[in-house]
Amino acid sequence: MFTGIVRERGKVASFDRGRLVVESSLEPMVGDSVAVDGVCLTVADHTNGQLAFDVMPETLRRAKAFGTEVNLETALLAGEPLGGHYVQGHVDSIGRVRGIEPEGDSRRVAIAAPQDVLRYCVEKGSITVDGVSLTISGLSDDAFEVALVRHTLETTTLGSLEPGDEVNLEVDVLAKYVERLTAR
């Protein structure tokens, strides 16, 4: 379980035959879970400031390709502040940045998303974009908007987004449970 509060940006050192290696100052142990751009991965090796992960074909089918930098978050420990919202690290879909508009020190970002994601989106509700917990600030028939404050722009990879970029999306798991329970 994660919160969507990114701890650092890691530099991708390599990605070869399913082995992702990321340069990081984080100190998880082998076997720990780390969210990498919102994807829950298990630390397979940790040496010399590098974290190695084995990436399953299912992950490659569901998530966007790893870029040169990735958002990193270690798993939530019992008793730690939640900060963001409950995030599983299970990517629901890939979205595409439709537009970016500056708003003072922040930016409003429109992200096109499939209906199986949008049905869980509500204005002022939570969504995870590339592992970052965000509040939905607007909705349309085929997209949602988020507002990125300066801190988010500076400390996550979202500050370098451009129109057309792909992003990993995870909807609020509580919305999925509510849907399932009310369908009965």
Protein backbone atom coordinates (compact mmCIF):
# COMPACT_ATOMS: atom_id res chain seq x y z
CA MET A 1 0.00 0.00 0.00
CA PHE A 2 1.21 3.49 -0.89
CA THR A 3 -0.02 7.06 -0.47
CA GLY A 4 0.94 8.67 -3.77
CA ILE A 5 3.38 11.00 -2.00
CA VAL A 6 6.55 10.65 -4.09
CA ARG A 7 9.77 10.41 -2.05
CA GLU A 8 12.19 11.10 -4.89
CA ARG A 9 12.81 10.99 -8.61
CA GLY A 10 15.07 8.15 -9.62
CA LYS A 11 17.18 7.95 -12.76
CA VAL A 12 16.67 4.85 -14.89
CA ALA A 13 20.13 3.28 -15.31
CA SER A 14 18.95 0.40 -17.49
CA PHE A 15 15.99 -1.71 -18.54
CA ASP A 16 16.98 -4.98 -20.15
CA ARG A 17 15.11 -8.30 -20.44
CA GLY A 18 12.62 -7.35 -17.75
CA ARG A 19 15.22 -6.06 -15.25
CA LEU A 20 14.74 -2.39 -14.38
CA VAL A 21 17.64 -0.69 -12.57
CA VAL A 22 17.08 2.73 -11.02
CA GLU A 23 19.58 5.03 -9.31
CA SER A 24 18.11 6.06 -5.95
CA SER A 25 19.04 7.24 -2.48
CA LEU A 26 16.08 5.34 -0.98
CA GLU A 27 17.02 2.48 1.35
CA PRO A 28 14.44 -0.31 0.95
CA MET A 29 15.44 -3.88 1.63
CA VAL A 30 15.37 -6.68 -0.92
CA GLY A 31 11.79 -7.94 -1.01
CA ASP A 32 10.25 -4.54 -0.15
CA SER A 33 7.66 -2.93 -2.40
CA VAL A 34 8.41 0.35 -4.15
CA ALA A 35 6.04 2.27 -6.42
CA VAL A 36 7.89 3.16 -9.63
CA ASP A 37 5.83 5.68 -11.62
CA GLY A 38 2.85 4.23 -9.79
CA VAL A 39 3.70 0.58 -10.48
CA CYS A 40 4.19 -1.61 -7.41
CA LEU A 41 7.46 -3.46 -7.91
CA THR A 42 9.51 -5.68 -5.58
CA VAL A 43 13.12 -4.79 -4.88
CA ALA A 44 15.18 -7.69 -6.29
CA ASP A 45 18.58 -6.15 -5.54
CA HIS A 46 19.89 -3.03 -3.81
CA THR A 47 23.57 -2.22 -4.25
CA ASN A 48 25.71 0.89 -4.77
CA GLY A 49 22.78 3.33 -4.82
CA GLN A 50 20.83 1.30 -7.34
CA LEU A 51 17.53 -0.53 -6.97
CA ALA A 52 16.80 -3.44 -9.29
CA PHE A 53 13.31 -4.73 -10.07
CA ASP A 54 12.04 -7.63 -12.17
CA VAL A 55 9.17 -6.37 -14.31
CA MET A 56 6.48 -8.87 -15.35
CA PRO A 57 5.05 -8.97 -18.89
CA GLU A 58 1.61 -8.10 -17.39
CA THR A 59 3.09 -4.86 -16.06
CA LEU A 60 4.53 -4.04 -19.48
CA ARG A 61 1.09 -4.58 -21.05
CA ARG A 62 -0.73 -2.33 -18.56
CA ALA A 63 1.74 0.48 -17.85
CA LYS A 64 3.53 3.04 -19.99
CA ALA A 65 7.19 2.53 -20.86
CA PHE A 66 9.64 3.68 -18.19
CA GLY A 67 11.27 7.01 -19.06
CA THR A 68 14.68 8.34 -18.10
CA GLU A 69 13.36 9.46 -14.70
CA VAL A 70 10.72 7.81 -12.53
CA ASN A 71 8.75 8.76 -9.42
CA LEU A 72 9.64 6.57 -6.43
CA GLU A 73 7.72 5.87 -3.23
CA THR A 74 8.43 3.24 -0.62
CA ALA A 75 5.49 1.33 0.86
CA LEU A 76 3.43 2.85 3.65
CA LEU A 77 4.34 1.56 7.09
CA ALA A 78 1.73 1.15 9.84
CA GLY A 79 1.50 4.32 11.89
CA GLU A 80 2.89 6.65 9.19
CA PRO A 81 0.80 9.63 8.08
CA LEU A 82 -1.31 8.88 5.02
CA GLY A 83 -0.71 12.23 3.32
CA GLY A 84 -2.21 11.36 -0.08
CA HIS A 85 -4.80 8.62 -0.53
CA TYR A 86 -4.76 4.81 -0.54
CA VAL A 87 -2.79 3.69 -3.58
CA GLN A 88 -2.16 0.06 -4.48
CA GLY A 89 0.41 0.48 -7.23
CA HIS A 90 -1.85 -1.38 -9.66
CA VAL A 91 -2.09 0.65 -12.86
CA ASP A 92 -5.63 0.69 -14.21
CA SER A 93 -4.87 2.26 -17.57
CA ILE A 94 -2.67 4.61 -19.53
CA GLY A 95 -3.81 8.19 -20.09
CA ARG A 96 -2.49 10.81 -22.49
CA VAL A 97 -1.77 14.45 -21.66
CA ARG A 98 -4.16 16.51 -23.75
CA GLY A 99 -3.12 19.98 -22.66
CA ILE A 100 -1.24 22.02 -20.08
CA GLU A 101 -2.21 25.52 -19.00
CA PRO A 102 -0.18 27.68 -16.59
CA GLU A 103 -2.05 29.07 -13.57
CA GLY A 104 0.25 31.32 -11.57
CA ASP A 105 2.93 29.09 -10.00
CA SER A 106 0.93 25.98 -10.85
CA ARG A 107 -0.31 24.22 -13.97
CA ARG A 108 -3.66 22.75 -14.94
CA VAL A 109 -3.19 19.51 -16.85
CA ALA A 110 -5.91 17.82 -18.92
CA ILE A 111 -5.49 14.05 -19.32
CA ALA A 112 -7.51 11.98 -21.78
CA ALA A 113 -8.55 8.70 -20.20
CA PRO A 114 -10.67 5.68 -21.14
CA GLN A 115 -14.20 5.33 -19.82
CA ASP A 116 -13.20 2.48 -17.48
CA VAL A 117 -11.11 5.08 -15.60
CA LEU A 118 -13.41 8.08 -15.98
CA ARG A 119 -16.38 6.25 -14.45
CA TYR A 120 -14.52 6.35 -11.11
CA CYS A 121 -13.57 10.02 -11.39
CA VAL A 122 -15.42 12.71 -9.48
CA GLU A 123 -14.53 16.35 -9.12
CA LYS A 124 -12.45 16.83 -5.95
CA GLY A 125 -11.89 13.06 -5.84
CA SER A 126 -8.48 11.35 -5.91
CA ILE A 127 -6.53 9.86 -8.78
CA THR A 128 -2.94 8.71 -9.13
CA VAL A 129 -0.94 9.91 -12.14
CA ASP A 130 2.50 8.29 -12.53
CA GLY A 131 2.36 7.41 -8.85
CA VAL A 132 1.44 10.92 -7.66
CA SER A 133 -1.71 11.38 -5.57
CA LEU A 134 -3.73 14.21 -7.12
CA THR A 135 -7.12 15.84 -6.76
CA ILE A 136 -9.37 15.92 -9.81
CA SER A 137 -10.15 19.57 -10.53
CA GLY A 138 -12.35 19.10 -13.59
CA LEU A 139 -14.08 16.47 -15.72
CA SER A 140 -15.32 16.15 -19.29
CA ASP A 141 -16.74 13.24 -21.26
CA ASP A 142 -13.31 11.89 -22.20
CA ALA A 143 -10.79 13.54 -19.86
CA PHE A 144 -10.10 14.84 -16.38
CA GLU A 145 -8.04 17.76 -15.14
CA VAL A 146 -5.61 18.05 -12.25
CA ALA A 147 -3.88 21.12 -10.84
CA LEU A 148 -0.17 20.70 -10.17
CA VAL A 149 1.27 22.97 -7.47
CA ARG A 150 4.88 24.16 -7.62
CA HIS A 151 6.09 21.52 -5.12
CA THR A 152 4.68 18.71 -7.28
CA LEU A 153 6.14 20.25 -10.43
CA GLU A 154 9.60 20.47 -8.81
CA THR A 155 9.77 17.14 -6.96
CA THR A 156 8.10 14.72 -9.38
CA THR A 157 8.41 13.89 -13.06
CA LEU A 158 5.05 15.60 -13.69
CA GLY A 159 6.86 18.93 -14.06
CA SER A 160 8.30 17.76 -17.37
CA LEU A 161 5.02 16.57 -18.90
CA GLU A 162 4.23 17.69 -22.44
CA PRO A 163 1.03 17.32 -24.49
CA GLY A 164 0.90 13.83 -25.98
CA ASP A 165 2.88 12.19 -23.15
CA GLU A 166 1.53 8.95 -21.70
CA VAL A 167 0.91 8.61 -17.96
CA ASN A 168 0.03 5.70 -15.69
CA LEU A 169 -3.39 6.03 -14.06
CA GLU A 170 -4.77 4.37 -10.95
CA VAL A 171 -8.23 5.25 -9.72
CA ASP A 172 -9.17 5.40 -6.06
CA VAL A 173 -9.63 1.78 -4.95
CA LEU A 174 -12.41 2.85 -2.55
CA ALA A 175 -14.50 3.91 -5.57
CA LYS A 176 -14.12 0.41 -7.01
CA TYR A 177 -15.30 -1.17 -3.76
CA VAL A 178 -18.30 1.18 -3.55
CA GLU A 179 -19.27 0.28 -7.14
CA ARG A 180 -18.97 -3.43 -6.43
CA LEU A 181 -20.97 -3.25 -3.20
CA THR A 182 -23.77 -1.11 -4.65
CA ALA A 183 -24.09 -3.39 -7.70
CA ARG A 184 -25.26 -6.25 -5.49
